[in-house]
């Protein structure tokens, strides 16, 4: 049984879908939800699934406190679900090819520092793109540049607002992220 940790900074709708998906799985279990924000709603979602939580500051993460916690919990895979801080190189090294992120666009478009959440959807709208989607990728030392594992697209129309685009992208995230995680950890 693989042990998963989820890192999230906000609401945690993807984290909830992952916890729900793996709650009775013979393959994996979510053993920790960690956040850099002590008031992040994802922590309440974790309580609903009786998953232990852990909060930390950027300084603590950079000092190795998060890595120590992950190792103490014997975490096999680290799943990013709306986690907004840059991961320290030491943590990436320990979880090389075992750390996954989801991005709300079809990378390499609309990736990089500052490109998250509504910023991405607003950029897609401003560009007049005819489609957008999700990218699930391994995490490396650079924002949104790790090896792409999976992409799914959805059409968008000129009438779609950034909020409507966000809804379409969330539907893809919730549909595919847990399944792709399961396929990787096998």
N, C-alpha and C. Protein backbone atom coordinates (compact mmCIF):
# COMPACT_ATOMS: atom_id res chain seq x y z
N UNK A 1 0.85 -1.19 0.00
CA UNK A 1 0.00 0.00 0.00
C UNK A 1 0.89 1.24 0.00
N UNK A 2 0.71 2.07 -1.03
CA UNK A 2 1.47 3.31 -1.15
C UNK A 2 0.88 4.37 -0.22
N UNK A 3 1.77 5.19 0.33
CA UNK A 3 1.38 6.25 1.26
C UNK A 3 1.53 7.60 0.55
N UNK A 4 0.40 8.32 0.46
CA UNK A 4 0.35 9.59 -0.25
C UNK A 4 0.24 10.75 0.71
N UNK A 5 0.93 11.83 0.38
CA UNK A 5 0.75 13.10 1.09
C UNK A 5 0.30 14.13 0.07
N UNK A 6 -0.64 14.96 0.46
CA UNK A 6 -1.13 16.03 -0.41
C UNK A 6 -0.66 17.36 0.16
N UNK A 7 -0.08 18.19 -0.71
CA UNK A 7 0.30 19.55 -0.34
C UNK A 7 -0.69 20.50 -1.02
N UNK A 8 -1.31 21.38 -0.26
CA UNK A 8 -2.29 22.32 -0.80
C UNK A 8 -2.22 23.63 -0.04
N UNK A 9 -2.58 24.71 -0.73
CA UNK A 9 -2.55 26.04 -0.11
C UNK A 9 -3.92 26.67 0.05
N UNK A 10 -4.95 26.07 -0.53
CA UNK A 10 -6.24 26.76 -0.54
C UNK A 10 -7.42 25.89 -0.20
N UNK A 11 -8.45 25.99 -1.03
CA UNK A 11 -9.73 25.34 -0.77
C UNK A 11 -9.63 23.82 -0.74
N UNK A 12 -8.89 23.27 -1.69
CA UNK A 12 -8.65 21.83 -1.65
C UNK A 12 -9.70 20.96 -2.32
N UNK A 13 -10.36 21.46 -3.37
CA UNK A 13 -11.36 20.60 -4.03
C UNK A 13 -10.70 19.40 -4.70
N UNK A 14 -9.52 19.59 -5.30
CA UNK A 14 -8.80 18.45 -5.87
C UNK A 14 -8.35 17.49 -4.78
N UNK A 15 -7.87 18.03 -3.67
CA UNK A 15 -7.44 17.19 -2.55
C UNK A 15 -8.61 16.34 -2.05
N UNK A 16 -9.78 16.95 -1.98
CA UNK A 16 -10.95 16.20 -1.52
C UNK A 16 -11.27 15.04 -2.48
N UNK A 17 -11.21 15.30 -3.78
CA UNK A 17 -11.48 14.25 -4.76
C UNK A 17 -10.46 13.11 -4.64
N UNK A 18 -9.21 13.46 -4.35
CA UNK A 18 -8.17 12.44 -4.18
C UNK A 18 -8.42 11.63 -2.92
N UNK A 19 -8.74 12.30 -1.81
CA UNK A 19 -9.02 11.58 -0.56
C UNK A 19 -10.23 10.67 -0.72
N UNK A 20 -11.25 11.17 -1.40
CA UNK A 20 -12.45 10.37 -1.64
C UNK A 20 -12.13 9.14 -2.49
N UNK A 21 -11.34 9.34 -3.54
CA UNK A 21 -11.00 8.27 -4.47
C UNK A 21 -10.22 7.15 -3.78
N UNK A 22 -9.30 7.52 -2.89
CA UNK A 22 -8.42 6.53 -2.27
C UNK A 22 -8.88 6.06 -0.88
N UNK A 23 -10.03 6.53 -0.40
CA UNK A 23 -10.41 6.21 0.98
C UNK A 23 -10.58 4.72 1.22
N UNK A 24 -10.97 3.93 0.23
CA UNK A 24 -11.11 2.49 0.41
C UNK A 24 -10.26 1.71 -0.60
N UNK A 25 -9.20 2.34 -1.07
CA UNK A 25 -8.36 1.72 -2.10
C UNK A 25 -7.39 0.70 -1.50
N UNK A 26 -7.21 -0.43 -2.16
CA UNK A 26 -6.19 -1.38 -1.72
C UNK A 26 -4.78 -0.98 -2.19
N UNK A 27 -4.70 0.05 -3.06
CA UNK A 27 -3.42 0.43 -3.65
C UNK A 27 -2.71 1.56 -2.89
N UNK A 28 -3.50 2.49 -2.34
CA UNK A 28 -2.89 3.66 -1.72
C UNK A 28 -3.82 4.28 -0.70
N UNK A 29 -3.21 5.04 0.20
CA UNK A 29 -3.99 5.81 1.18
C UNK A 29 -3.35 7.17 1.36
N UNK A 30 -4.20 8.17 1.58
CA UNK A 30 -3.70 9.51 1.88
C UNK A 30 -3.43 9.54 3.38
N UNK A 31 -2.16 9.72 3.73
CA UNK A 31 -1.77 9.67 5.15
C UNK A 31 -1.52 11.05 5.74
N UNK A 32 -1.51 12.09 4.87
CA UNK A 32 -1.22 13.43 5.37
C UNK A 32 -1.68 14.48 4.36
N UNK A 33 -2.28 15.55 4.88
CA UNK A 33 -2.54 16.75 4.09
C UNK A 33 -1.76 17.87 4.78
N UNK A 34 -0.86 18.49 4.01
CA UNK A 34 0.00 19.54 4.57
C UNK A 34 -0.24 20.84 3.82
N UNK A 35 -0.23 21.94 4.57
CA UNK A 35 -0.48 23.24 3.98
C UNK A 35 0.42 24.30 4.60
N UNK A 36 0.77 25.27 3.77
CA UNK A 36 1.53 26.42 4.25
C UNK A 36 0.61 27.51 4.80
N UNK A 37 -0.70 27.26 4.77
CA UNK A 37 -1.66 28.26 5.28
C UNK A 37 -2.51 27.60 6.37
N UNK A 38 -2.38 28.05 7.61
CA UNK A 38 -3.12 27.42 8.71
C UNK A 38 -4.63 27.58 8.62
N UNK A 39 -5.11 28.52 7.78
CA UNK A 39 -6.55 28.71 7.63
C UNK A 39 -7.08 28.16 6.30
N UNK A 40 -6.27 27.38 5.59
CA UNK A 40 -6.70 26.83 4.31
C UNK A 40 -7.86 25.86 4.51
N UNK A 41 -8.87 25.96 3.69
CA UNK A 41 -10.06 25.12 3.80
C UNK A 41 -9.74 23.64 3.57
N UNK A 42 -8.66 23.37 2.86
CA UNK A 42 -8.26 21.98 2.61
C UNK A 42 -8.07 21.22 3.93
N UNK A 43 -7.67 21.91 4.98
CA UNK A 43 -7.45 21.25 6.28
C UNK A 43 -8.78 20.75 6.86
N UNK A 44 -9.85 21.50 6.66
CA UNK A 44 -11.18 21.04 7.09
C UNK A 44 -11.65 19.87 6.25
N UNK A 45 -11.35 19.91 4.95
CA UNK A 45 -11.71 18.79 4.08
C UNK A 45 -11.00 17.51 4.56
N UNK A 46 -9.74 17.64 4.96
CA UNK A 46 -8.98 16.49 5.43
C UNK A 46 -9.60 15.90 6.70
N UNK A 47 -10.05 16.77 7.60
CA UNK A 47 -10.69 16.30 8.84
C UNK A 47 -11.91 15.44 8.53
N UNK A 48 -12.66 15.81 7.50
CA UNK A 48 -13.84 15.07 7.10
C UNK A 48 -13.49 13.61 6.75
N UNK A 49 -12.28 13.42 6.20
CA UNK A 49 -11.82 12.08 5.82
C UNK A 49 -10.91 11.46 6.88
N UNK A 50 -10.80 12.14 8.03
CA UNK A 50 -9.96 11.67 9.14
C UNK A 50 -8.49 11.50 8.71
N UNK A 51 -8.04 12.39 7.83
CA UNK A 51 -6.65 12.40 7.38
C UNK A 51 -5.90 13.42 8.23
N UNK A 52 -4.79 13.02 8.84
CA UNK A 52 -4.00 13.97 9.64
C UNK A 52 -3.52 15.16 8.81
N UNK A 53 -3.40 16.29 9.48
CA UNK A 53 -2.95 17.51 8.79
C UNK A 53 -1.68 18.04 9.44
N UNK A 54 -1.00 18.88 8.69
CA UNK A 54 0.26 19.46 9.14
C UNK A 54 0.39 20.83 8.48
N UNK A 55 0.70 21.85 9.26
CA UNK A 55 0.93 23.18 8.68
C UNK A 55 2.37 23.60 8.95
N UNK A 56 2.86 24.43 8.06
CA UNK A 56 4.26 24.85 8.12
C UNK A 56 4.39 26.20 7.43
N UNK A 57 5.46 26.90 7.73
CA UNK A 57 5.76 28.17 7.06
C UNK A 57 6.75 27.91 5.92
N UNK A 58 6.89 28.89 5.06
CA UNK A 58 7.89 28.77 3.99
C UNK A 58 9.28 28.55 4.59
N UNK A 59 9.57 29.29 5.66
CA UNK A 59 10.89 29.17 6.30
C UNK A 59 11.11 27.75 6.83
N UNK A 60 10.06 27.18 7.44
CA UNK A 60 10.17 25.81 7.95
C UNK A 60 10.34 24.81 6.80
N UNK A 61 9.62 25.04 5.71
CA UNK A 61 9.77 24.15 4.55
C UNK A 61 11.19 24.23 4.01
N UNK A 62 11.70 25.44 3.86
CA UNK A 62 13.05 25.61 3.33
C UNK A 62 14.10 25.02 4.27
N UNK A 63 13.79 24.97 5.57
CA UNK A 63 14.72 24.42 6.56
C UNK A 63 14.62 22.89 6.68
N UNK A 64 13.72 22.28 5.90
CA UNK A 64 13.63 20.82 5.91
C UNK A 64 12.58 20.23 6.83
N UNK A 65 11.79 21.07 7.51
CA UNK A 65 10.78 20.56 8.44
C UNK A 65 9.72 19.73 7.71
N UNK A 66 9.27 20.21 6.55
CA UNK A 66 8.27 19.45 5.79
C UNK A 66 8.85 18.11 5.34
N UNK A 67 10.06 18.11 4.83
CA UNK A 67 10.70 16.86 4.41
C UNK A 67 10.80 15.87 5.57
N UNK A 68 11.18 16.36 6.74
CA UNK A 68 11.25 15.50 7.93
C UNK A 68 9.89 14.89 8.25
N UNK A 69 8.84 15.69 8.15
CA UNK A 69 7.49 15.19 8.42
C UNK A 69 7.08 14.12 7.41
N UNK A 70 7.34 14.37 6.14
CA UNK A 70 7.01 13.40 5.09
C UNK A 70 7.75 12.08 5.32
N UNK A 71 9.02 12.18 5.68
CA UNK A 71 9.80 10.96 5.93
C UNK A 71 9.33 10.25 7.19
N UNK A 72 8.97 11.01 8.22
CA UNK A 72 8.46 10.40 9.46
C UNK A 72 7.16 9.64 9.20
N UNK A 73 6.36 10.14 8.26
CA UNK A 73 5.10 9.48 7.90
C UNK A 73 5.28 8.41 6.83
N UNK A 74 6.53 8.18 6.44
CA UNK A 74 6.87 7.16 5.43
C UNK A 74 6.09 7.36 4.13
N UNK A 75 6.02 8.61 3.70
CA UNK A 75 5.29 8.97 2.48
C UNK A 75 6.06 8.48 1.25
N UNK A 76 5.33 7.80 0.35
CA UNK A 76 5.91 7.30 -0.89
C UNK A 76 5.79 8.30 -2.03
N UNK A 77 4.64 8.99 -2.10
CA UNK A 77 4.35 9.93 -3.18
C UNK A 77 3.83 11.24 -2.60
N UNK A 78 4.28 12.35 -3.18
CA UNK A 78 3.80 13.68 -2.79
C UNK A 78 2.95 14.23 -3.94
N UNK A 79 1.73 14.61 -3.61
CA UNK A 79 0.77 15.10 -4.60
C UNK A 79 0.51 16.58 -4.34
N UNK A 80 0.78 17.42 -5.30
CA UNK A 80 0.49 18.85 -5.18
C UNK A 80 -0.91 19.10 -5.72
N UNK A 81 -1.72 19.80 -4.95
CA UNK A 81 -3.10 20.09 -5.33
C UNK A 81 -3.39 21.54 -4.96
N UNK A 82 -2.95 22.45 -5.82
CA UNK A 82 -3.14 23.86 -5.51
C UNK A 82 -2.14 24.34 -4.48
N UNK A 83 -0.92 23.83 -4.55
CA UNK A 83 0.13 24.27 -3.63
C UNK A 83 0.93 25.35 -4.33
N UNK A 84 1.03 26.52 -3.71
CA UNK A 84 1.54 27.69 -4.42
C UNK A 84 3.00 28.04 -4.16
N UNK A 85 3.66 27.40 -3.21
CA UNK A 85 5.06 27.72 -2.95
C UNK A 85 5.97 26.88 -3.84
N UNK A 86 7.13 27.43 -4.16
CA UNK A 86 8.14 26.67 -4.90
C UNK A 86 8.71 25.61 -3.97
N UNK A 87 8.79 24.39 -4.46
CA UNK A 87 9.30 23.27 -3.67
C UNK A 87 10.82 23.36 -3.59
N UNK A 88 11.39 23.23 -2.39
CA UNK A 88 12.85 23.26 -2.26
C UNK A 88 13.51 22.10 -3.02
N UNK A 89 14.68 22.37 -3.57
CA UNK A 89 15.41 21.35 -4.33
C UNK A 89 15.64 20.07 -3.53
N UNK A 90 15.94 20.19 -2.25
CA UNK A 90 16.20 19.01 -1.42
C UNK A 90 14.98 18.09 -1.38
N UNK A 91 13.81 18.66 -1.28
CA UNK A 91 12.57 17.88 -1.24
C UNK A 91 12.32 17.23 -2.61
N UNK A 92 12.55 17.98 -3.67
CA UNK A 92 12.39 17.44 -5.03
C UNK A 92 13.36 16.27 -5.23
N UNK A 93 14.57 16.41 -4.75
CA UNK A 93 15.57 15.35 -4.92
C UNK A 93 15.13 14.06 -4.22
N UNK A 94 14.65 14.17 -2.99
CA UNK A 94 14.23 12.99 -2.23
C UNK A 94 13.04 12.31 -2.90
N UNK A 95 12.12 13.11 -3.45
CA UNK A 95 10.92 12.56 -4.10
C UNK A 95 11.01 12.66 -5.62
N UNK A 96 12.20 12.50 -6.16
CA UNK A 96 12.40 12.54 -7.60
C UNK A 96 11.53 11.48 -8.28
N UNK A 97 10.75 11.92 -9.26
CA UNK A 97 9.80 11.05 -9.98
C UNK A 97 8.71 10.48 -9.09
N UNK A 98 8.53 11.05 -7.90
CA UNK A 98 7.47 10.61 -6.98
C UNK A 98 6.69 11.82 -6.45
N UNK A 99 6.78 12.94 -7.18
CA UNK A 99 6.06 14.15 -6.82
C UNK A 99 5.32 14.65 -8.06
N UNK A 100 4.00 14.81 -7.91
CA UNK A 100 3.13 15.12 -9.05
C UNK A 100 2.41 16.44 -8.79
N UNK A 101 2.22 17.20 -9.87
CA UNK A 101 1.46 18.44 -9.79
C UNK A 101 0.41 18.45 -10.89
N UNK A 102 -0.64 19.22 -10.68
CA UNK A 102 -1.64 19.45 -11.72
C UNK A 102 -1.67 20.94 -12.01
N UNK A 103 -1.74 21.27 -13.29
CA UNK A 103 -1.76 22.68 -13.71
C UNK A 103 -3.02 22.93 -14.53
N UNK A 104 -3.70 24.07 -14.32
CA UNK A 104 -4.98 24.32 -14.98
C UNK A 104 -4.86 24.91 -16.40
N UNK A 105 -3.95 24.35 -17.19
CA UNK A 105 -3.79 24.76 -18.59
C UNK A 105 -3.02 23.67 -19.31
N UNK A 106 -2.95 23.80 -20.62
CA UNK A 106 -2.20 22.84 -21.42
C UNK A 106 -0.76 23.34 -21.54
N UNK A 107 0.08 22.87 -20.63
CA UNK A 107 1.49 23.27 -20.66
C UNK A 107 2.11 22.82 -21.98
N UNK A 108 3.07 23.55 -22.51
CA UNK A 108 3.84 24.60 -21.84
C UNK A 108 3.16 25.97 -21.81
N UNK A 109 1.98 26.10 -22.39
CA UNK A 109 1.29 27.40 -22.36
C UNK A 109 0.80 27.73 -20.95
N UNK A 110 0.92 28.98 -20.60
CA UNK A 110 0.36 29.53 -19.35
C UNK A 110 0.94 28.88 -18.10
N UNK A 111 2.21 28.56 -18.15
CA UNK A 111 2.88 28.01 -16.97
C UNK A 111 3.87 29.01 -16.40
N UNK A 112 4.47 28.64 -15.28
CA UNK A 112 5.51 29.46 -14.68
C UNK A 112 5.03 30.21 -13.46
N UNK A 113 5.95 30.95 -12.88
CA UNK A 113 5.68 31.69 -11.65
C UNK A 113 4.52 32.66 -11.86
N UNK A 114 3.58 32.63 -10.92
CA UNK A 114 2.44 33.53 -10.96
C UNK A 114 1.27 33.03 -11.80
N UNK A 115 1.48 31.92 -12.51
CA UNK A 115 0.40 31.39 -13.35
C UNK A 115 -0.31 30.26 -12.60
N UNK A 116 -1.34 30.65 -11.87
CA UNK A 116 -2.14 29.68 -11.11
C UNK A 116 -3.57 30.21 -11.04
N UNK A 117 -4.50 29.29 -10.81
CA UNK A 117 -5.90 29.67 -10.60
C UNK A 117 -6.45 30.59 -11.67
N UNK A 118 -7.15 31.62 -11.22
CA UNK A 118 -7.83 32.54 -12.14
C UNK A 118 -6.86 33.29 -13.04
N UNK A 119 -5.61 33.47 -12.62
CA UNK A 119 -4.62 34.14 -13.48
C UNK A 119 -4.49 33.38 -14.80
N UNK A 120 -4.50 32.06 -14.72
CA UNK A 120 -4.39 31.23 -15.92
C UNK A 120 -5.63 31.39 -16.79
N UNK A 121 -6.80 31.27 -16.19
CA UNK A 121 -8.05 31.33 -16.96
C UNK A 121 -8.24 32.71 -17.61
N UNK A 122 -7.83 33.76 -16.92
CA UNK A 122 -7.90 35.10 -17.48
C UNK A 122 -6.95 35.24 -18.68
N UNK A 123 -5.76 34.65 -18.57
CA UNK A 123 -4.80 34.70 -19.67
C UNK A 123 -5.31 33.92 -20.88
N UNK A 124 -5.91 32.76 -20.64
CA UNK A 124 -6.48 31.95 -21.73
C UNK A 124 -7.58 32.74 -22.43
N UNK A 125 -8.45 33.38 -21.67
CA UNK A 125 -9.54 34.19 -22.22
C UNK A 125 -8.98 35.36 -23.04
N UNK A 126 -8.01 36.06 -22.47
CA UNK A 126 -7.42 37.22 -23.14
C UNK A 126 -6.75 36.84 -24.46
N UNK A 127 -6.21 35.63 -24.53
CA UNK A 127 -5.54 35.16 -25.75
C UNK A 127 -6.54 34.70 -26.82
N UNK A 128 -7.79 34.49 -26.42
CA UNK A 128 -8.79 34.04 -27.38
C UNK A 128 -8.64 32.59 -27.79
N UNK A 129 -8.03 31.79 -26.94
CA UNK A 129 -7.82 30.37 -27.25
C UNK A 129 -9.16 29.65 -27.46
N UNK A 130 -9.13 28.63 -28.29
CA UNK A 130 -10.32 27.85 -28.58
C UNK A 130 -10.45 26.62 -27.68
N UNK A 131 -9.37 26.32 -26.95
CA UNK A 131 -9.41 25.21 -25.99
C UNK A 131 -8.44 25.49 -24.86
N UNK A 132 -8.68 24.82 -23.76
CA UNK A 132 -7.76 24.84 -22.63
C UNK A 132 -7.86 23.46 -22.01
N UNK A 133 -7.28 23.29 -20.85
CA UNK A 133 -7.34 21.97 -20.24
C UNK A 133 -6.49 21.87 -19.00
N UNK A 134 -6.03 20.64 -18.76
CA UNK A 134 -5.20 20.38 -17.59
C UNK A 134 -3.93 19.65 -18.02
N UNK A 135 -2.90 19.82 -17.22
CA UNK A 135 -1.66 19.08 -17.40
C UNK A 135 -1.27 18.50 -16.05
N UNK A 136 -1.02 17.21 -16.04
CA UNK A 136 -0.49 16.55 -14.84
C UNK A 136 0.97 16.22 -15.17
N UNK A 137 1.86 16.66 -14.28
CA UNK A 137 3.29 16.51 -14.58
C UNK A 137 4.09 16.20 -13.33
N UNK A 138 5.28 15.65 -13.54
CA UNK A 138 6.21 15.46 -12.44
C UNK A 138 6.76 16.83 -12.05
N UNK A 139 7.16 16.96 -10.80
CA UNK A 139 7.70 18.22 -10.31
C UNK A 139 9.22 18.18 -10.42
N UNK A 140 9.78 19.26 -10.97
CA UNK A 140 11.23 19.43 -10.96
C UNK A 140 11.56 20.80 -10.36
N UNK A 141 12.79 21.27 -10.56
CA UNK A 141 13.24 22.50 -9.92
C UNK A 141 12.62 23.76 -10.51
N UNK A 142 11.90 23.65 -11.61
CA UNK A 142 11.33 24.82 -12.28
C UNK A 142 9.81 24.74 -12.31
N UNK A 143 9.15 25.87 -12.07
CA UNK A 143 7.69 25.91 -12.10
C UNK A 143 7.16 25.32 -13.40
N UNK A 144 6.31 24.30 -13.29
CA UNK A 144 5.54 23.77 -14.41
C UNK A 144 6.38 23.26 -15.58
N UNK A 145 7.61 22.81 -15.31
CA UNK A 145 8.46 22.33 -16.40
C UNK A 145 8.81 20.85 -16.28
N UNK A 146 8.25 20.15 -15.29
CA UNK A 146 8.53 18.72 -15.15
C UNK A 146 7.90 17.91 -16.28
N UNK A 147 8.35 16.67 -16.40
CA UNK A 147 7.86 15.78 -17.46
C UNK A 147 6.34 15.68 -17.42
N UNK A 148 5.71 15.91 -18.57
CA UNK A 148 4.26 15.83 -18.69
C UNK A 148 3.84 14.37 -18.72
N UNK A 149 2.88 14.04 -17.86
CA UNK A 149 2.37 12.67 -17.74
C UNK A 149 1.04 12.54 -18.47
N UNK A 150 0.21 13.57 -18.38
CA UNK A 150 -1.15 13.48 -18.91
C UNK A 150 -1.69 14.87 -19.20
N UNK A 151 -2.45 14.98 -20.29
CA UNK A 151 -3.17 16.21 -20.58
C UNK A 151 -4.58 15.87 -21.06
N UNK A 152 -5.52 16.73 -20.74
CA UNK A 152 -6.89 16.61 -21.24
C UNK A 152 -7.35 18.02 -21.59
N UNK A 153 -8.10 18.11 -22.68
CA UNK A 153 -8.53 19.42 -23.17
C UNK A 153 -10.04 19.55 -23.15
N UNK A 154 -10.49 20.80 -23.13
CA UNK A 154 -11.91 21.11 -23.22
C UNK A 154 -12.05 22.32 -24.15
N UNK A 155 -13.07 22.32 -25.00
CA UNK A 155 -13.27 23.48 -25.86
C UNK A 155 -13.78 24.67 -25.06
N UNK A 156 -13.43 25.85 -25.53
CA UNK A 156 -13.98 27.07 -24.93
C UNK A 156 -14.49 27.94 -26.07
N UNK A 157 -15.50 28.70 -25.77
CA UNK A 157 -16.10 29.56 -26.78
C UNK A 157 -15.80 31.02 -26.46
N UNK A 158 -15.95 31.89 -27.44
CA UNK A 158 -15.70 33.31 -27.18
C UNK A 158 -16.59 33.89 -26.08
N UNK A 159 -17.75 33.27 -25.86
CA UNK A 159 -18.68 33.76 -24.83
C UNK A 159 -18.28 33.33 -23.42
N UNK A 160 -17.39 32.35 -23.30
CA UNK A 160 -16.98 31.86 -21.97
C UNK A 160 -16.23 32.94 -21.19
N UNK A 161 -16.63 33.13 -19.96
CA UNK A 161 -15.91 34.04 -19.07
C UNK A 161 -14.78 33.26 -18.40
N UNK A 162 -13.82 33.94 -17.78
CA UNK A 162 -12.79 33.21 -17.04
C UNK A 162 -13.39 32.26 -15.98
N UNK A 163 -14.50 32.67 -15.37
CA UNK A 163 -15.16 31.82 -14.37
C UNK A 163 -15.74 30.56 -15.01
N UNK A 164 -16.29 30.70 -16.21
CA UNK A 164 -16.83 29.54 -16.93
C UNK A 164 -15.69 28.61 -17.36
N UNK A 165 -14.59 29.20 -17.78
CA UNK A 165 -13.41 28.41 -18.16
C UNK A 165 -12.92 27.64 -16.93
N UNK A 166 -12.89 28.31 -15.79
CA UNK A 166 -12.46 27.65 -14.55
C UNK A 166 -13.34 26.45 -14.22
N UNK A 167 -14.64 26.58 -14.41
CA UNK A 167 -15.55 25.45 -14.14
C UNK A 167 -15.24 24.26 -15.04
N UNK A 168 -14.99 24.52 -16.30
CA UNK A 168 -14.66 23.44 -17.24
C UNK A 168 -13.35 22.76 -16.84
N UNK A 169 -12.37 23.56 -16.45
CA UNK A 169 -11.07 23.00 -16.06
C UNK A 169 -11.20 22.20 -14.76
N UNK A 170 -11.96 22.72 -13.79
CA UNK A 170 -12.16 21.97 -12.54
C UNK A 170 -12.80 20.61 -12.81
N UNK A 171 -13.74 20.57 -13.74
CA UNK A 171 -14.38 19.29 -14.08
C UNK A 171 -13.34 18.29 -14.59
N UNK A 172 -12.41 18.75 -15.41
CA UNK A 172 -11.34 17.87 -15.90
C UNK A 172 -10.43 17.43 -14.76
N UNK A 173 -10.07 18.38 -13.90
CA UNK A 173 -9.18 18.06 -12.77
C UNK A 173 -9.80 16.97 -11.90
N UNK A 174 -11.05 17.17 -11.51
CA UNK A 174 -11.72 16.23 -10.61
C UNK A 174 -11.91 14.87 -11.28
N UNK A 175 -12.12 14.87 -12.58
CA UNK A 175 -12.34 13.62 -13.31
C UNK A 175 -11.05 12.80 -13.43
N UNK A 176 -9.94 13.48 -13.76
CA UNK A 176 -8.73 12.75 -14.14
C UNK A 176 -7.62 12.64 -13.09
N UNK A 177 -7.48 13.63 -12.21
CA UNK A 177 -6.31 13.63 -11.32
C UNK A 177 -6.22 12.36 -10.48
N UNK A 178 -7.28 11.95 -9.78
CA UNK A 178 -7.15 10.72 -8.97
C UNK A 178 -6.79 9.49 -9.80
N UNK A 179 -7.39 9.36 -10.99
CA UNK A 179 -7.11 8.20 -11.84
C UNK A 179 -5.67 8.18 -12.32
N UNK A 180 -5.14 9.33 -12.70
CA UNK A 180 -3.77 9.41 -13.17
C UNK A 180 -2.81 9.10 -12.03
N UNK A 181 -3.11 9.60 -10.84
CA UNK A 181 -2.29 9.26 -9.66
C UNK A 181 -2.26 7.76 -9.48
N UNK A 182 -3.43 7.14 -9.53
CA UNK A 182 -3.50 5.68 -9.34
C UNK A 182 -2.68 4.94 -10.38
N UNK A 183 -2.72 5.39 -11.63
CA UNK A 183 -1.96 4.72 -12.68
C UNK A 183 -0.46 4.87 -12.47
N UNK A 184 -0.03 5.97 -11.89
CA UNK A 184 1.40 6.20 -11.67
C UNK A 184 1.97 5.39 -10.51
N UNK A 185 1.18 5.23 -9.46
CA UNK A 185 1.71 4.60 -8.26
C UNK A 185 1.73 3.08 -8.33
N UNK A 186 1.08 2.53 -9.36
CA UNK A 186 1.07 1.07 -9.52
C UNK A 186 2.46 0.51 -9.74
